[in-house]
Amino acid sequence: MFIGHPRPVKPMGRYVSHLECAYTGKRYQPGAVHTVSDDGKPIVVKYDLEAIRREVSRESIGESMESGFWRYSALLPVTKKENRISLGEVLTPLIDLEGSCEILGSRPGSVTVKDESRLPTGSFKARGLALAVSMAKELGISHLAIPTNGNAGSALAAYATRAGIITTVLCPDNTPEINVRETQIQGAKTHLVNGLIGECGKIIADGAPHIDWFAVSTLKEPYRIEGKKTMGLELAEQLGWKLPDVIFYPTGGGTGIIGMWKAFHELRELGWIDCEMPKMVAVQSTGCAPIVRAWENDDEFAEFWEDAETISSGIRVPSALGDFMILEVVRSSGGFAIAVTDDETLEFQNEIGLRDGLLLCPEGAATAVAYRRSIESGQISPEEHAILFNTATGLKYPLPEVDSRIDKEMVDYTKF
């Protein structure tokens, strides 16, 4: 199995100009299987934006009959339509949190949730893994492997099964049980590991010389960023080709915050937007906050977070390969990084459910806490339009038990 230098394969998307190391800028050949750069850093896809500007209009996007994020295929690397693996993606809705203004400290209409739970497998991971799997199919890869805290594993399993590609998934043994079960039932060879996500990733990396698999770990291949980028493309289109003032994003590996920033810059270069760029806020848990610590210390890279633990399993990432990319996005956007507690997260998850009828996942609820804290600290104002990303359905996580019972033979109406 190819691990180091690229091997030639068939041509890539018509608008892809080249690939490059996100740290050094070193160029890499399109039409080849790549992992990380020679310097061990993520590789990103670059496009001939001038050609896209000449040949594609933003109006044509709105007229597209493509499903969900595949409407942006001109800005994606997949060459052939038959290689675009789809499970019926939709444009995820924007939902105002008007009932929760009191606890958020916001104004009506100023806080909007982009609800990624409506995607296949119930999370935003569908975006990145759909692109990774589609490119794996295009490049002739037959076995994919991934370490996951939950949602990435189930998304990879679903899309890879759809594509006829074998999948191996390794989960820390404290991964939410429903994530592990849905991963297995959707076709992946699923294993629990007595360690964290990084240790799962090491098993996959160490196994590559012995097993014919290709790792689609976060930022260890170029295409998950391209899938996550569609969150930014979609958001701009939904807002009439404008952008919000600030985006709060639950940040673990950080592919989404990096991908959206890439999308916004591509849209600006295409001339499809001409507004101010949003402040990008990386939201983490106090139980695992390497990006927050690095941002506060003005470090270029984030140190490994020991004994990582949080109920927000999707952001329990003690070390991110793209740490320098996340920090660059936060700083260049005028944003910041902030950590919130699990107690606050559970409180806001419950309150927003009661007030707005929207069941957020813990990671999504963490962004609401971060928003409130940012209002209180003066880092943002209530007048600014903020987007909070709810990255998965709350149904994948433990919920409070219902303990009230009614005896049908002796109904006590004082209980109602």
Protein backbone atom coordinates (compact mmCIF):
# COMPACT_ATOMS: atom_id res chain seq x y z
CA MET A 1 0.00 0.00 0.00
CA PHE A 2 1.30 3.50 -0.89
CA ILE A 3 2.25 5.47 2.20
CA GLY A 4 5.10 7.84 1.33
CA HIS A 5 5.56 9.37 -2.13
CA PRO A 6 2.65 9.76 -4.55
CA ARG A 7 1.87 7.18 -7.21
CA PRO A 8 0.33 8.19 -10.54
CA VAL A 9 -3.36 7.56 -11.06
CA LYS A 10 -6.10 8.92 -13.32
CA PRO A 11 -6.79 12.67 -13.85
CA MET A 12 -8.47 14.82 -11.22
CA GLY A 13 -11.14 17.52 -11.35
CA ARG A 14 -10.97 19.86 -14.32
CA TYR A 15 -10.47 22.97 -12.17
CA VAL A 16 -7.82 21.58 -9.79
CA SER A 17 -4.54 23.36 -10.55
CA HIS A 18 -2.30 21.67 -7.97
CA LEU A 19 -1.98 20.52 -4.38
CA GLU A 20 0.33 22.11 -1.84
CA CYS A 21 1.71 21.76 1.67
CA ALA A 22 -0.29 24.01 3.98
CA TYR A 23 2.87 24.92 5.92
CA THR A 24 5.66 25.27 3.35
CA GLY A 25 3.70 25.85 0.14
CA LYS A 26 5.55 23.03 -1.62
CA ARG A 27 3.55 21.88 -4.64
CA TYR A 28 2.32 18.36 -5.29
CA GLN A 29 1.05 16.72 -8.43
CA PRO A 30 -2.69 16.35 -8.99
CA GLY A 31 -3.91 12.93 -10.08
CA ALA A 32 -1.97 11.06 -7.40
CA VAL A 33 -2.72 9.53 -4.01
CA HIS A 34 -1.34 11.75 -1.24
CA THR A 35 -1.19 11.60 2.53
CA VAL A 36 0.71 14.39 4.32
CA SER A 37 3.48 16.50 2.79
CA ASP A 38 7.17 15.67 2.93
CA ASP A 39 7.29 17.92 6.00
CA GLY A 40 4.53 15.94 7.71
CA LYS A 41 1.94 18.70 7.33
CA PRO A 42 -1.53 18.70 5.70
CA ILE A 43 -1.84 18.99 1.93
CA VAL A 44 -4.58 21.22 0.50
CA VAL A 45 -6.24 21.40 -2.91
CA LYS A 46 -5.80 24.51 -5.05
CA TYR A 47 -8.04 25.51 -7.98
CA ASP A 48 -7.74 27.55 -11.15
CA LEU A 49 -10.12 30.18 -9.82
CA GLU A 50 -9.72 32.36 -12.90
CA ALA A 51 -11.06 29.53 -15.07
CA ILE A 52 -13.95 28.99 -12.68
CA ARG A 53 -14.70 32.72 -12.74
CA ARG A 54 -14.90 32.61 -16.56
CA GLU A 55 -16.95 29.43 -16.84
CA VAL A 56 -19.14 29.20 -13.72
CA SER A 57 -21.51 31.80 -12.28
CA ARG A 58 -22.87 31.86 -8.76
CA GLU A 59 -26.36 32.04 -10.30
CA SER A 60 -25.78 28.61 -11.84
CA ILE A 61 -25.28 27.21 -8.33
CA GLY A 62 -28.82 28.17 -7.36
CA GLU A 63 -30.15 26.58 -10.54
CA SER A 64 -28.29 23.31 -9.95
CA MET A 65 -30.28 20.10 -9.61
CA GLU A 66 -27.43 18.43 -7.70
CA SER A 67 -28.21 17.04 -4.25
CA GLY A 68 -27.05 19.13 -1.26
CA PHE A 69 -23.40 20.09 -1.24
CA TRP A 70 -22.73 18.43 -4.61
CA ARG A 71 -24.23 21.58 -6.15
CA TYR A 72 -20.77 23.09 -5.57
CA SER A 73 -19.04 20.45 -7.71
CA ALA A 74 -17.15 23.10 -9.72
CA LEU A 75 -15.28 23.93 -6.49
CA LEU A 76 -14.71 20.29 -5.57
CA PRO A 77 -12.04 17.89 -6.84
CA VAL A 78 -14.12 14.91 -8.06
CA THR A 79 -13.87 14.54 -11.84
CA LYS A 80 -16.69 12.21 -12.81
CA LYS A 81 -20.28 12.39 -11.66
CA GLU A 82 -20.41 8.61 -11.18
CA ASN A 83 -17.71 8.95 -8.50
CA ARG A 84 -19.75 11.41 -6.41
CA ILE A 85 -21.03 9.20 -3.60
CA SER A 86 -24.33 10.50 -2.25
CA LEU A 87 -26.78 9.45 0.44
CA GLY A 88 -29.35 12.17 -0.25
CA GLU A 89 -27.63 15.22 1.24
CA VAL A 90 -29.65 18.38 1.89
CA LEU A 91 -28.87 22.04 2.46
CA THR A 92 -28.84 22.15 6.26
CA PRO A 93 -31.24 24.73 7.72
CA LEU A 94 -30.56 27.99 9.51
CA ILE A 95 -32.64 28.24 12.69
CA ASP A 96 -32.91 31.42 14.78
CA LEU A 97 -32.75 31.00 18.57
CA GLU A 98 -35.39 33.60 19.38
CA GLY A 99 -36.79 31.78 22.39
CA SER A 100 -33.36 31.56 24.00
CA CYS A 101 -32.46 35.27 23.80
CA GLU A 102 -32.75 35.71 27.58
CA ILE A 103 -30.16 33.08 28.46
CA LEU A 104 -27.91 33.95 25.51
CA GLY A 105 -27.93 37.71 26.06
CA SER A 106 -28.82 38.17 22.40
CA ARG A 107 -31.28 40.14 20.29
CA PRO A 108 -34.05 38.42 18.26
CA GLY A 109 -32.60 37.30 14.95
CA SER A 110 -28.97 37.84 15.98
CA VAL A 111 -28.14 34.19 16.80
CA THR A 112 -28.69 31.48 14.21
CA VAL A 113 -27.91 27.77 14.39
CA LYS A 114 -26.74 25.97 11.27
CA ASP A 115 -28.11 22.54 12.00
CA GLU A 116 -25.81 19.91 10.51
CA SER A 117 -27.77 17.11 12.16
CA ARG A 118 -29.99 16.93 9.05
CA LEU A 119 -27.20 15.35 6.97
CA PRO A 120 -26.88 11.59 6.33
CA THR A 121 -25.69 9.73 9.47
CA GLY A 122 -26.85 12.75 11.50
CA SER A 123 -23.69 14.87 11.52
CA PHE A 124 -21.43 17.27 9.64
CA LYS A 125 -18.93 14.44 9.17
CA ALA A 126 -20.98 13.41 6.13
CA ARG A 127 -19.47 16.33 4.22
CA GLY A 128 -15.80 15.51 4.66
CA LEU A 129 -16.17 11.75 4.42
CA ALA A 130 -18.36 11.96 1.31
CA LEU A 131 -15.50 13.77 -0.43
CA ALA A 132 -12.80 11.50 0.97
CA VAL A 133 -14.70 8.39 -0.14
CA SER A 134 -15.55 9.85 -3.55
CA MET A 135 -11.90 10.65 -4.18
CA ALA A 136 -10.86 7.22 -2.91
CA LYS A 137 -13.18 5.69 -5.48
CA GLU A 138 -11.81 7.98 -8.18
CA LEU A 139 -8.22 7.14 -7.25
CA GLY A 140 -8.82 3.38 -7.03
CA ILE A 141 -8.38 2.91 -3.27
CA SER A 142 -10.14 -0.21 -2.00
CA HIS A 143 -9.72 -0.12 1.82
CA LEU A 144 -10.06 2.92 4.11
CA ALA A 145 -9.26 3.17 7.82
CA ILE A 146 -10.06 5.88 10.36
CA PRO A 147 -9.73 6.64 14.08
CA THR A 148 -12.87 8.31 15.45
CA ASN A 149 -14.59 9.61 18.56
CA GLY A 150 -17.89 8.65 16.92
CA ASN A 151 -19.49 10.56 14.07
CA ALA A 152 -16.64 10.31 11.56
CA GLY A 153 -16.67 6.52 11.84
CA SER A 154 -20.35 6.17 11.06
CA ALA A 155 -20.13 8.64 8.16
CA LEU A 156 -17.15 6.83 6.65
CA ALA A 157 -18.87 3.46 7.08
CA ALA A 158 -22.02 4.64 5.33
CA TYR A 159 -20.36 6.34 2.36
CA ALA A 160 -17.69 3.68 1.89
CA THR A 161 -20.29 0.90 1.95
CA ARG A 162 -22.26 2.83 -0.64
CA ALA A 163 -19.11 3.04 -2.77
CA GLY A 164 -18.19 -0.62 -2.34
CA ILE A 165 -15.03 0.20 -0.38
CA ILE A 166 -13.87 -1.81 2.66
CA THR A 167 -13.66 0.19 5.92
CA THR A 168 -11.89 -0.34 9.24
CA VAL A 169 -12.82 1.95 12.15
CA LEU A 170 -11.03 2.23 15.51
CA CYS A 171 -12.86 3.96 18.39
CA PRO A 172 -11.66 4.89 21.89
CA ASP A 173 -13.51 2.60 24.29
CA ASN A 174 -15.39 5.57 25.81
CA THR A 175 -16.92 6.55 22.46
CA PRO A 176 -20.73 6.94 22.77
CA GLU A 177 -22.20 3.47 22.30
CA ILE A 178 -24.73 4.49 19.66
CA ASN A 179 -21.90 5.84 17.46
CA VAL A 180 -20.03 2.55 17.69
CA ARG A 181 -23.12 0.49 16.92
CA GLU A 182 -24.22 2.60 13.95
CA THR A 183 -20.70 2.42 12.51
CA GLN A 184 -20.74 -1.36 12.63
CA ILE A 185 -24.27 -1.78 11.27
CA GLN A 186 -23.40 0.43 8.29
CA GLY A 187 -20.67 -1.92 7.19
CA ALA A 188 -17.38 -1.04 8.88
CA LYS A 189 -15.10 -3.46 10.65
CA THR A 190 -15.41 -1.72 14.01
CA HIS A 191 -13.03 -2.08 16.99
CA LEU A 192 -12.84 -0.50 20.45
CA VAL A 193 -9.39 0.58 21.69
CA ASN A 194 -8.32 1.25 25.29
CA GLY A 195 -6.91 4.68 24.44
CA LEU A 196 -7.59 8.10 22.93
CA ILE A 197 -8.18 8.99 19.28
CA GLY A 198 -4.48 9.66 18.69
CA GLU A 199 -3.60 6.18 19.90
CA CYS A 200 -6.21 4.74 17.54
CA GLY A 201 -4.57 6.71 14.75
CA LYS A 202 -1.14 5.33 15.67
CA ILE A 203 -2.44 1.76 15.36
CA ILE A 204 -3.68 2.56 11.86
CA ALA A 205 -0.41 4.26 10.86
CA ASP A 206 1.69 1.40 12.27
CA GLY A 207 -0.52 -1.14 10.50
CA ALA A 208 -0.20 0.42 7.05
CA PRO A 209 2.90 -1.61 6.05
CA HIS A 210 1.06 -4.83 6.99
CA ILE A 211 -2.52 -4.14 5.87
CA ASP A 212 -3.64 -2.72 2.53
CA TRP A 213 -5.56 0.24 3.93
CA PHE A 214 -5.40 4.01 3.43
CA ALA A 215 -5.87 6.32 6.44
CA VAL A 216 -8.48 9.07 6.13
CA SER A 217 -7.62 10.53 9.53
CA THR A 218 -8.29 14.25 9.99
CA LEU A 219 -6.01 16.27 7.67
CA LYS A 220 -3.88 13.25 6.76
CA GLU A 221 -5.34 13.33 3.25
CA PRO A 222 -6.35 16.40 1.19
CA TYR A 223 -10.06 15.91 0.62
CA ARG A 224 -11.96 16.01 3.90
CA ILE A 225 -11.19 19.75 3.99
CA GLU A 226 -12.89 20.08 0.60
CA GLY A 227 -16.03 18.46 1.98
CA LYS A 228 -16.09 20.58 5.12
CA LYS A 229 -15.48 23.63 2.93
CA THR A 230 -19.02 23.23 1.65
CA MET A 231 -20.34 24.46 5.02
CA GLY A 232 -18.92 27.86 4.12
CA LEU A 233 -20.12 27.76 0.51
CA GLU A 234 -23.60 26.77 1.62
CA LEU A 235 -23.75 29.37 4.38
CA ALA A 236 -22.79 32.17 1.97
CA GLU A 237 -25.46 31.11 -0.52
CA GLN A 238 -28.14 30.83 2.19
CA LEU A 239 -27.33 34.36 3.40
CA GLY A 240 -27.67 35.82 -0.10
CA TRP A 241 -23.92 35.70 -0.77
CA LYS A 242 -23.19 37.55 2.42
CA LEU A 243 -21.40 36.30 5.54
CA PRO A 244 -22.26 36.62 9.24
CA ASP A 245 -20.26 38.78 11.63
CA VAL A 246 -19.00 35.86 13.70
CA ILE A 247 -18.98 32.05 13.54
CA PHE A 248 -18.75 29.85 16.63
CA TYR A 249 -17.42 26.42 15.70
CA PRO A 250 -16.80 23.40 17.98
CA THR A 251 -13.17 22.60 17.28
CA GLY A 252 -11.42 19.26 17.61
CA GLY A 253 -9.35 18.38 14.55
CA GLY A 254 -10.47 21.68 13.04
CA THR A 255 -11.17 20.57 9.48
CA GLY A 256 -14.39 22.58 9.40
CA ILE A 257 -13.02 25.91 10.59
CA ILE A 258 -10.09 25.54 8.17
CA GLY A 259 -12.37 24.47 5.33
CA MET A 260 -14.82 27.33 5.78
CA TRP A 261 -12.03 29.90 5.81
CA LYS A 262 -10.70 28.37 2.59
CA ALA A 263 -14.20 28.58 1.08
CA PHE A 264 -14.61 32.24 2.00
CA HIS A 265 -11.29 33.15 0.39
CA GLU A 266 -12.15 31.22 -2.78
CA LEU A 267 -15.53 32.97 -2.98
CA ARG A 268 -13.85 36.34 -2.56
CA GLU A 269 -11.32 35.59 -5.30
CA LEU A 270 -14.15 34.49 -7.58
CA GLY A 271 -15.94 37.77 -6.95
CA TRP A 272 -18.99 35.93 -5.59
CA ILE A 273 -18.81 37.80 -2.27
CA ASP A 274 -17.53 41.28 -1.44
CA CYS A 275 -18.46 41.54 2.25
CA GLU A 276 -16.34 41.57 5.40
CA MET A 277 -15.01 38.21 6.55
CA PRO A 278 -16.45 36.82 9.81
CA LYS A 279 -14.59 36.47 13.07
CA MET A 280 -13.91 32.75 13.51
CA VAL A 281 -14.20 31.41 17.06
CA ALA A 282 -12.79 28.01 18.00
CA VAL A 283 -14.86 26.49 20.81
CA GLN A 284 -13.38 23.76 23.01
CA SER A 285 -14.05 22.10 26.36
CA THR A 286 -12.11 22.93 29.51
CA GLY A 287 -11.40 19.18 29.64
CA CYS A 288 -9.58 19.31 26.29
CA ALA A 289 -8.50 22.76 25.13
CA PRO A 290 -5.11 22.64 23.37
CA ILE A 291 -6.10 25.26 20.78
CA VAL A 292 -7.38 27.66 23.46
CA ARG A 293 -4.15 27.33 25.43
CA ALA A 294 -2.02 27.91 22.32
CA TRP A 295 -4.12 30.94 21.33
CA GLU A 296 -3.81 32.44 24.82
CA ASN A 297 -0.02 31.85 24.81
CA ASP A 298 0.36 33.20 21.27
CA ASP A 299 1.96 29.91 20.19
CA GLU A 300 2.17 28.77 16.56
CA PHE A 301 1.48 25.15 17.47
CA ALA A 302 -0.60 23.55 20.23
CA GLU A 303 0.92 21.24 22.82
CA PHE A 304 -0.62 17.81 23.50
CA TRP A 305 -3.44 17.98 26.08
CA GLU A 306 -2.92 15.36 28.79
CA ASP A 307 -5.83 13.35 30.21
CA ALA A 308 -8.39 14.74 27.75
CA GLU A 309 -11.96 14.21 28.93
CA THR A 310 -15.28 15.85 28.05
CA ILE A 311 -18.88 14.90 27.34
CA SER A 312 -18.45 16.67 23.99
CA SER A 313 -16.73 13.65 22.46
CA GLY A 314 -16.44 15.24 19.01
CA ILE A 315 -14.00 17.86 20.33
CA ARG A 316 -12.01 15.46 22.54
CA VAL A 317 -8.91 15.79 20.35
CA PRO A 318 -5.76 16.32 22.47
CA SER A 319 -3.51 16.97 19.47
CA ALA A 320 -4.57 18.30 16.05
CA LEU A 321 -2.32 17.88 13.01
CA GLY A 322 -3.69 21.15 11.63
CA ASP A 323 -3.21 23.11 14.87
CA PHE A 324 -1.19 25.85 13.16
CA MET A 325 -3.89 26.17 10.48
CA ILE A 326 -6.67 26.53 13.05
CA LEU A 327 -4.71 29.16 14.97
CA GLU A 328 -3.94 31.08 11.78
CA VAL A 329 -7.65 31.16 10.85
CA VAL A 330 -8.64 32.38 14.31
CA ARG A 331 -5.98 35.09 14.39
CA SER A 332 -6.25 36.34 10.81
CA SER A 333 -10.04 36.59 11.14
CA GLY A 334 -9.85 38.68 14.30
CA GLY A 335 -11.51 35.84 16.18
CA PHE A 336 -10.53 33.98 19.33
CA ALA A 337 -10.52 30.58 21.04
CA ILE A 338 -12.63 29.84 24.11
CA ALA A 339 -13.20 26.84 26.40
CA VAL A 340 -16.45 26.04 28.23
CA THR A 341 -17.28 23.55 30.97
CA ASP A 342 -19.30 20.37 30.60
CA ASP A 343 -21.75 21.59 33.27
CA GLU A 344 -22.46 24.76 31.29
CA THR A 345 -22.81 22.73 28.11
CA LEU A 346 -25.44 20.41 29.60
CA GLU A 347 -27.32 23.35 31.11
CA PHE A 348 -27.55 25.19 27.77
CA GLN A 349 -28.41 22.02 25.88
CA ASN A 350 -31.38 21.56 28.22
CA GLU A 351 -32.44 25.23 28.25
CA ILE A 352 -32.35 25.64 24.46
CA GLY A 353 -34.39 22.46 24.07
CA LEU A 354 -37.00 23.83 26.47
CA ARG A 355 -37.08 27.34 24.99
CA ASP A 356 -36.60 26.75 21.25
CA GLY A 357 -37.50 23.09 20.74
CA LEU A 358 -34.08 22.40 19.21
CA LEU A 359 -32.10 19.42 20.49
CA LEU A 360 -28.43 20.37 20.17
CA CYS A 361 -25.59 17.89 20.50
CA PRO A 362 -23.16 18.73 23.34
CA GLU A 363 -20.68 20.23 20.87
CA GLY A 364 -23.41 22.48 19.47
CA ALA A 365 -24.53 23.47 22.96
CA ALA A 366 -20.92 24.36 23.76
CA THR A 367 -21.03 27.02 21.04
CA ALA A 368 -24.10 28.56 22.70
CA VAL A 369 -22.24 28.74 26.02
CA ALA A 370 -19.26 30.28 24.24
CA TYR A 371 -21.54 32.86 22.61
CA ARG A 372 -23.02 33.89 25.98
CA ARG A 373 -19.57 34.12 27.56
CA SER A 374 -18.32 36.22 24.65
CA ILE A 375 -21.22 38.65 25.03
CA GLU A 376 -20.48 38.96 28.76
CA SER A 377 -16.76 39.58 28.13
CA GLY A 378 -17.41 42.13 25.39
CA GLN A 379 -15.57 40.10 22.74
CA ILE A 380 -18.66 40.39 20.56
CA SER A 381 -21.79 42.53 20.74
CA PRO A 382 -25.46 41.43 20.81
CA GLU A 383 -26.00 43.34 17.56
CA GLU A 384 -23.58 41.17 15.60
CA HIS A 385 -25.06 38.29 13.62
CA ALA A 386 -23.61 35.05 14.96
CA ILE A 387 -23.79 31.56 13.48
CA LEU A 388 -23.52 28.62 15.89
CA PHE A 389 -22.73 25.24 14.36
CA ASN A 390 -24.71 22.29 15.69
CA THR A 391 -22.53 19.52 14.33
CA ALA A 392 -24.67 16.45 15.06
CA THR A 393 -28.02 15.26 16.30
CA GLY A 394 -28.40 15.26 20.07
CA LEU A 395 -30.05 11.85 19.78
CA LYS A 396 -26.59 10.27 19.52
CA TYR A 397 -25.74 11.25 23.09
CA PRO A 398 -27.10 10.24 26.52
CA LEU A 399 -30.29 12.13 27.44
CA PRO A 400 -31.97 12.62 30.83
CA GLU A 401 -34.27 9.82 31.93
CA VAL A 402 -38.04 10.34 32.19
CA ASP A 403 -39.02 9.31 35.72
CA SER A 404 -42.61 10.57 35.97
CA ARG A 405 -45.19 7.77 35.74
CA ILE A 406 -49.01 7.82 35.60
CA ASP A 407 -51.13 4.97 36.92
CA LYS A 408 -54.02 4.65 34.45
CA GLU A 409 -56.27 3.26 37.21
CA MET A 410 -55.59 6.13 39.65
CA VAL A 411 -54.81 9.26 37.67
CA ASP A 412 -53.52 12.05 39.90
CA TYR A 413 -54.13 15.31 38.02
CA THR A 414 -51.94 17.24 40.44
CA LYS A 415 -48.98 15.74 38.54
CA PHE A 416 -49.85 17.59 35.33
